[in-house]
Amino acid sequence: MAKLKLGAIADDKPVRLTVEFPAPVHRDLLAYAEVLAREIGQPIPDPLKLVAPMLARFMATDRAFVKTRRRNQTAGEG
């Protein structure tokens, strides 16, 4: 089986956001949670908790974003 990009979810103090997902995205999120639960051998009690790590992983692997962010931090912009 292929290794998923996410692993166990870290317990961290959250910031609450309200978002709406298209139904197909929500169904895929539920399916992803099922596959992840089988892979890590632990149930995923709330698949919505996967959204933050997925988004973080996406941003961390987006080369253009990382490059721009690094350049802005070097320039003192954040």
C-alpha atoms as a PDB file:
ATOM      1  CA  MET A   1       0.000   0.000   0.000  1.00  0.00           C
ATOM      2  CA  ALA A   2       1.215   3.509  -0.779  1.00  0.00           C
ATOM      3  CA  LYS A   3       2.229   5.664   2.159  1.00  0.00           C
ATOM      4  CA  LEU A   4      -0.115   8.578   2.813  1.00  0.00           C
ATOM      5  CA  LYS A   5       1.306  12.071   3.232  1.00  0.00           C
ATOM      6  CA  LEU A   6      -0.316  12.488   6.658  1.00  0.00           C
ATOM      7  CA  GLY A   7       0.462  10.594   9.812  1.00  0.00           C
ATOM      8  CA  ALA A   8      -0.926  10.845  13.324  1.00  0.00           C
ATOM      9  CA  ILE A   9      -2.470  14.222  14.112  1.00  0.00           C
ATOM     10  CA  ALA A  10      -0.667  16.323  16.737  1.00  0.00           C
ATOM     11  CA  ASP A  11      -2.758  17.700  19.583  1.00  0.00           C
ATOM     12  CA  ASP A  12      -2.364  21.470  19.421  1.00  0.00           C
ATOM     13  CA  LYS A  13      -4.398  24.493  20.520  1.00  0.00           C
ATOM     14  CA  PRO A  14      -6.692  25.232  17.571  1.00  0.00           C
ATOM     15  CA  VAL A  15      -7.984  28.438  16.040  1.00  0.00           C
ATOM     16  CA  ARG A  16     -11.613  28.011  15.032  1.00  0.00           C
ATOM     17  CA  LEU A  17     -12.549  28.686  11.420  1.00  0.00           C
ATOM     18  CA  THR A  18     -15.819  28.047   9.648  1.00  0.00           C
ATOM     19  CA  VAL A  19     -15.540  26.783   6.093  1.00  0.00           C
ATOM     20  CA  GLU A  20     -17.836  25.155   3.575  1.00  0.00           C
ATOM     21  CA  PHE A  21     -16.692  22.250   1.436  1.00  0.00           C
ATOM     22  CA  PRO A  22     -18.262  21.025  -1.766  1.00  0.00           C
ATOM     23  CA  ALA A  23     -19.943  17.659  -1.168  1.00  0.00           C
ATOM     24  CA  PRO A  24     -17.375  15.715  -3.260  1.00  0.00           C
ATOM     25  CA  VAL A  25     -14.510  17.197  -1.223  1.00  0.00           C
ATOM     26  CA  HIS A  26     -16.253  16.226   2.018  1.00  0.00           C
ATOM     27  CA  ARG A  27     -16.806  12.675   0.750  1.00  0.00           C
ATOM     28  CA  ASP A  28     -13.136  12.450  -0.212  1.00  0.00           C
ATOM     29  CA  LEU A  29     -12.132  13.738   3.222  1.00  0.00           C
ATOM     30  CA  LEU A  30     -14.204  11.018   4.880  1.00  0.00           C
ATOM     31  CA  ALA A  31     -12.687   8.390   2.588  1.00  0.00           C
ATOM     32  CA  TYR A  32      -9.178   9.701   3.314  1.00  0.00           C
ATOM     33  CA  ALA A  33      -9.880   9.463   7.053  1.00  0.00           C
ATOM     34  CA  GLU A  34     -10.926   5.824   6.647  1.00  0.00           C
ATOM     35  CA  VAL A  35      -7.751   4.944   4.746  1.00  0.00           C
ATOM     36  CA  LEU A  36      -5.570   6.852   7.224  1.00  0.00           C
ATOM     37  CA  ALA A  37      -7.245   5.130  10.172  1.00  0.00           C
ATOM     38  CA  ARG A  38      -6.422   1.737   8.652  1.00  0.00           C
ATOM     39  CA  GLU A  39      -2.842   2.786   7.903  1.00  0.00           C
ATOM     40  CA  ILE A  40      -2.043   4.140  11.379  1.00  0.00           C
ATOM     41  CA  GLY A  41      -4.171   1.590  13.215  1.00  0.00           C
ATOM     42  CA  GLN A  42      -6.152   4.218  15.115  1.00  0.00           C
ATOM     43  CA  PRO A  43      -9.640   5.563  14.526  1.00  0.00           C
ATOM     44  CA  ILE A  44     -10.016   9.129  13.271  1.00  0.00           C
ATOM     45  CA  PRO A  45     -12.770  10.450  15.545  1.00  0.00           C
ATOM     46  CA  ASP A  46     -13.268  13.683  13.583  1.00  0.00           C
ATOM     47  CA  PRO A  47     -12.172  13.697   9.927  1.00  0.00           C
ATOM     48  CA  LEU A  48     -12.411  17.496   9.889  1.00  0.00           C
ATOM     49  CA  LYS A  49      -9.290  17.558  12.078  1.00  0.00           C
ATOM     50  CA  LEU A  50      -7.391  16.330   9.024  1.00  0.00           C
ATOM     51  CA  VAL A  51      -7.985  19.598   7.163  1.00  0.00           C
ATOM     52  CA  ALA A  52      -5.367  21.626   9.060  1.00  0.00           C
ATOM     53  CA  PRO A  53      -2.525  19.082   8.652  1.00  0.00           C
ATOM     54  CA  MET A  54      -3.477  18.632   4.982  1.00  0.00           C
ATOM     55  CA  LEU A  55      -3.360  22.361   4.413  1.00  0.00           C
ATOM     56  CA  ALA A  56      -0.083  22.678   6.322  1.00  0.00           C
ATOM     57  CA  ARG A  57       1.426  19.845   4.271  1.00  0.00           C
ATOM     58  CA  PHE A  58       0.227  21.455   1.047  1.00  0.00           C
ATOM     59  CA  MET A  59       1.782  24.811   1.952  1.00  0.00           C
ATOM     60  CA  ALA A  60       5.031  23.203   3.124  1.00  0.00           C
ATOM     61  CA  THR A  61       5.428  21.394  -0.204  1.00  0.00           C
ATOM     62  CA  ASP A  62       4.386  24.274  -2.474  1.00  0.00           C
ATOM     63  CA  ARG A  63       7.782  25.348  -3.778  1.00  0.00           C
ATOM     64  CA  ALA A  64       6.641  28.767  -4.996  1.00  0.00           C
ATOM     65  CA  PHE A  65       5.046  29.556  -1.625  1.00  0.00           C
ATOM     66  CA  VAL A  66       8.075  28.351   0.347  1.00  0.00           C
ATOM     67  CA  LYS A  67      10.441  30.331  -1.860  1.00  0.00           C
ATOM     68  CA  THR A  68       8.366  33.523  -1.583  1.00  0.00           C
ATOM     69  CA  ARG A  69       7.908  33.123   2.147  1.00  0.00           C
ATOM     70  CA  ARG A  70      11.630  32.562   2.676  1.00  0.00           C
ATOM     71  CA  ARG A  71      12.437  35.631   0.577  1.00  0.00           C
ATOM     72  CA  ASN A  72       9.922  37.760   2.532  1.00  0.00           C
ATOM     73  CA  GLN A  73      11.272  36.568   5.890  1.00  0.00           C
ATOM     74  CA  THR A  74      14.802  37.403   4.790  1.00  0.00           C
ATOM     75  CA  ALA A  75      13.604  40.873   3.759  1.00  0.00           C
ATOM     76  CA  GLY A  76      11.947  41.290   7.194  1.00  0.00           C
ATOM     77  CA  GLU A  77       8.347  41.161   5.944  1.00  0.00           C
ATOM     78  CA  GLY A  78       7.163  38.298   8.084  1.00  0.00           C
END
